[in-house]
Amino acid sequence: KLEDVYFVDCTNASGPGMVEYLFKNDVKYLLLDEVEKMSKADQNVLLNVMETGMLTSTKVRKIGSKKMNLSIYATTNDIGGISKPFRSRFMEFSLPPYSYDEFCEIAVNLLEKRYRRPEELSLKVADIVWNKLESKDVRDILAIGKLSNSVDDVDFIATTLQKHKRRSDGE
């Protein structure tokens, strides 16, 4: 609900594209999701604006500067994937893991909103993901919830996914 916001999914971001957007638009809040997936070079694009409030570009045919009152917020799943200079410009907060009850609440809200799943099915999905799959990943809720049309489907789908899940260790 904020105005003058630019949201960036860093899995698809490029520094030059971001700088061009910031030059062309009055942005007050820059929201970076999964910032560890942004290249170090692209992270460095934002260092000066974070330090001085000046956005600068010295690329061929794109030379310029712009004074900005910009607040940058970022999320990460891997804090080690962020360059030290970039990281030093943020105030860091670490969120505690979900409790079981919070995980269930997230499942109910997310599956109702995305797939119109009833609460009973969503609670079953959350329980299976948490206890059987021993996962706390919301993406697992989404994967099973999307495929499940009934409570009976949940166990079958979870077992099938568990049995045939691709393994990263070359199996």
Protein backbone atom coordinates (compact mmCIF):
# COMPACT_ATOMS: atom_id res chain seq x y z
CA LYS A 1 0.00 0.00 0.00
CA LEU A 2 3.06 2.23 -0.07
CA GLU A 3 3.43 4.72 -2.89
CA ASP A 4 6.54 5.10 -5.02
CA VAL A 5 7.63 1.49 -4.47
CA TYR A 6 9.75 -0.62 -6.78
CA PHE A 7 9.75 -4.37 -6.08
CA VAL A 8 12.57 -6.47 -7.52
CA ASP A 9 12.67 -10.26 -7.63
CA CYS A 10 16.45 -10.56 -7.60
CA THR A 11 16.42 -13.90 -9.39
CA ASN A 12 15.63 -11.89 -12.53
CA ALA A 13 17.25 -8.55 -11.73
CA SER A 14 20.08 -6.74 -13.44
CA GLY A 15 21.93 -3.76 -12.06
CA PRO A 16 21.69 -1.75 -15.30
CA GLY A 17 17.95 -2.38 -15.57
CA MET A 18 17.41 -1.37 -11.96
CA VAL A 19 19.50 1.80 -12.34
CA GLU A 20 17.60 2.77 -15.49
CA TYR A 21 14.28 2.33 -13.69
CA LEU A 22 15.48 4.36 -10.69
CA PHE A 23 16.67 7.18 -12.97
CA LYS A 24 13.34 7.33 -14.77
CA ASN A 25 11.07 7.05 -11.72
CA ASP A 26 10.72 8.66 -8.32
CA VAL A 27 11.15 5.69 -6.03
CA LYS A 28 11.11 6.04 -2.26
CA TYR A 29 11.17 2.36 -1.34
CA LEU A 30 13.20 -0.29 -3.14
CA LEU A 31 12.17 -3.81 -2.11
CA LEU A 32 14.64 -6.57 -3.00
CA ASP A 33 13.50 -10.18 -2.63
CA GLU A 34 16.11 -12.95 -2.45
CA VAL A 35 18.92 -10.42 -2.78
CA GLU A 36 21.58 -13.15 -2.49
CA LYS A 37 20.66 -14.18 -6.05
CA MET A 38 21.69 -10.80 -7.39
CA SER A 39 25.26 -10.81 -8.71
CA LYS A 40 27.92 -9.06 -6.62
CA ALA A 41 28.41 -6.55 -9.46
CA ASP A 42 24.70 -5.76 -9.43
CA GLN A 43 24.72 -5.45 -5.64
CA ASN A 44 27.55 -2.94 -6.02
CA VAL A 45 25.38 -0.76 -8.27
CA LEU A 46 23.42 0.25 -5.18
CA LEU A 47 26.37 0.96 -2.85
CA ASN A 48 26.72 4.65 -3.68
CA VAL A 49 23.03 5.48 -3.43
CA MET A 50 22.89 3.69 -0.07
CA GLU A 51 25.94 5.55 1.23
CA THR A 52 25.42 9.05 -0.18
CA GLY A 53 21.88 9.27 -1.50
CA MET A 54 23.24 9.85 -5.01
CA LEU A 55 22.44 7.46 -7.82
CA THR A 56 25.19 7.62 -10.41
CA SER A 57 25.81 5.99 -13.73
CA THR A 58 29.06 6.21 -15.66
CA LYS A 59 28.19 3.80 -18.44
CA VAL A 60 28.64 4.83 -22.07
CA ARG A 61 25.66 6.96 -23.17
CA LYS A 62 24.17 6.64 -19.69
CA ILE A 63 26.19 9.13 -17.67
CA GLY A 64 24.29 10.95 -14.96
CA SER A 65 23.46 11.40 -11.33
CA LYS A 66 20.28 11.82 -9.34
CA LYS A 67 19.73 12.76 -5.69
CA MET A 68 17.44 10.19 -4.08
CA ASN A 69 15.76 9.79 -0.73
CA LEU A 70 15.62 6.02 -1.11
CA SER A 71 15.01 3.37 1.52
CA ILE A 72 16.11 -0.13 0.55
CA TYR A 73 14.73 -3.27 2.14
CA ALA A 74 15.98 -6.73 1.25
CA THR A 75 15.23 -10.33 2.10
CA THR A 76 17.62 -13.23 1.83
CA ASN A 77 17.70 -16.95 2.43
CA ASP A 78 21.50 -16.97 2.49
CA ILE A 79 23.16 -14.00 4.18
CA GLY A 80 26.56 -15.27 3.02
CA GLY A 81 25.53 -14.66 -0.59
CA ILE A 82 25.61 -10.90 -0.10
CA SER A 83 28.83 -8.94 -0.60
CA LYS A 84 30.35 -7.56 2.60
CA PRO A 85 30.21 -3.90 1.50
CA PHE A 86 26.55 -4.26 0.47
CA ARG A 87 25.63 -6.13 3.64
CA SER A 88 27.31 -3.52 5.84
CA ARG A 89 24.84 -0.88 4.66
CA PHE A 90 21.83 -2.76 6.03
CA MET A 91 20.44 -3.17 9.51
CA GLU A 92 19.98 -6.93 9.82
CA PHE A 93 17.10 -8.78 11.40
CA SER A 94 16.84 -12.55 11.64
CA LEU A 95 13.38 -14.02 11.90
CA PRO A 96 12.86 -17.08 14.09
CA PRO A 97 11.57 -20.26 12.46
CA TYR A 98 7.84 -20.81 12.32
CA SER A 99 6.13 -22.65 15.14
CA TYR A 100 3.85 -25.52 14.15
CA ASP A 101 0.76 -23.37 14.81
CA GLU A 102 2.14 -20.52 12.69
CA PHE A 103 2.97 -22.96 9.90
CA CYS A 104 -0.62 -24.26 9.97
CA GLU A 105 -2.01 -20.73 9.90
CA ILE A 106 0.19 -19.86 6.91
CA ALA A 107 -0.97 -23.02 5.12
CA VAL A 108 -4.64 -22.24 5.70
CA ASN A 109 -4.32 -18.64 4.50
CA LEU A 110 -2.05 -19.38 1.56
CA LEU A 111 -3.93 -22.38 0.19
CA GLU A 112 -7.30 -20.65 0.53
CA LYS A 113 -6.01 -17.55 -1.26
CA ARG A 114 -4.10 -19.34 -4.04
CA TYR A 115 -6.19 -22.46 -4.66
CA ARG A 116 -9.43 -22.00 -2.70
CA ARG A 117 -8.64 -25.05 -0.58
CA PRO A 118 -10.79 -25.63 2.52
CA GLU A 119 -9.28 -25.31 5.98
CA GLU A 120 -9.44 -29.05 6.72
CA LEU A 121 -7.38 -29.88 3.63
CA SER A 122 -4.90 -27.07 4.34
CA LEU A 123 -4.35 -28.24 7.91
CA LYS A 124 -3.74 -31.78 6.64
CA VAL A 125 -1.18 -30.45 4.14
CA ALA A 126 0.60 -28.46 6.86
CA ASP A 127 0.68 -31.47 9.18
CA ILE A 128 2.05 -33.79 6.49
CA VAL A 129 4.71 -31.28 5.38
CA TRP A 130 5.79 -30.54 8.96
CA ASN A 131 5.70 -34.08 10.38
CA LYS A 132 6.03 -36.55 7.51
CA LEU A 133 8.29 -34.59 5.18
CA GLU A 134 9.99 -32.86 8.14
CA SER A 135 9.98 -29.64 6.15
CA LYS A 136 9.23 -26.08 7.14
CA ASP A 137 9.27 -24.82 3.56
CA VAL A 138 6.15 -23.00 2.43
CA ARG A 139 6.90 -24.13 -1.14
CA ASP A 140 6.16 -27.70 -0.03
CA ILE A 141 2.76 -26.56 1.23
CA LEU A 142 2.09 -24.98 -2.15
CA ALA A 143 3.24 -28.01 -4.14
CA ILE A 144 1.09 -30.50 -2.24
CA GLY A 145 -1.83 -28.11 -1.77
CA LYS A 146 -1.99 -27.35 -5.48
CA LEU A 147 -2.22 -31.04 -6.40
CA SER A 148 -4.59 -32.09 -3.58
CA ASN A 149 -8.31 -31.92 -4.17
CA SER A 150 -9.26 -33.85 -1.04
CA VAL A 151 -7.80 -34.77 2.33
CA ASP A 152 -7.31 -38.31 1.01
CA ASP A 153 -5.10 -36.95 -1.79
CA VAL A 154 -2.64 -35.33 0.63
CA ASP A 155 -1.01 -38.52 1.97
CA PHE A 156 -0.79 -40.06 -1.50
CA ILE A 157 0.78 -36.96 -3.06
CA ALA A 158 3.21 -36.43 -0.17
CA THR A 159 4.30 -40.08 -0.28
CA THR A 160 4.70 -39.94 -4.05
CA LEU A 161 6.71 -36.72 -3.91
CA GLN A 162 8.88 -38.09 -1.12
CA LYS A 163 9.48 -41.36 -2.96
CA HIS A 164 10.29 -39.81 -6.33
CA LYS A 165 11.81 -36.47 -5.38
CA ARG A 166 14.93 -35.68 -7.38
CA ARG A 167 17.98 -35.81 -5.18
CA SER A 168 20.88 -33.39 -5.49
CA ASP A 169 23.47 -36.05 -4.50
CA GLY A 170 23.37 -37.76 -7.89
CA GLU A 171 21.00 -40.59 -6.94
